Amino acid sequence: QVQLEESGGGLVQAGGSLRLSCVGSGIPTFSYRVGWFRQAPGQEREYVSAINWPGARTHYADSVKGRFTISRDNQKKTVYLQMNNLSPEDTAIYYCATTSSRGLDVLTTDAAYSIWGQGTQVTVSS
């Protein structure tokens, strides 16, 4: 059973950058589709970005398009979310998620994912 662990969150000033990592473990290869989601206090979980296997297809929410980049290093079993030009509105707990279901398309809804990490806090100060 695959397990996910996020890291890379922290406190950053507006306009700064962070790179989140999502490491898959418990499997020989992390050959699954992955999504990033976020949840701010008092708000519903929000889709951020997704990538397929082996990484030729990516997708972004309109709110992060042009600022965030999703990528994966299959040898390291890691999916990254590079976040640039951060704003206070990006403050949230960021989660990565995956599913063992096979397919080439990216998955952009949280209902499509069955395995979630514990999340990493991103705080952007103004």
Foldseek 3Di string as FASTA:
>chain_A
DKAKAKDWADEEAAQAKIKMKIAIDPDPWLQWKKFKWWDDPPGDIATAKIAHPPGPDIDGDPVQPPFWDWGDDGVRRMIMIIGGRDDQVPWTWMKMFTDPDDDGDIDGDPVVGDHIYPTDTHGYHD
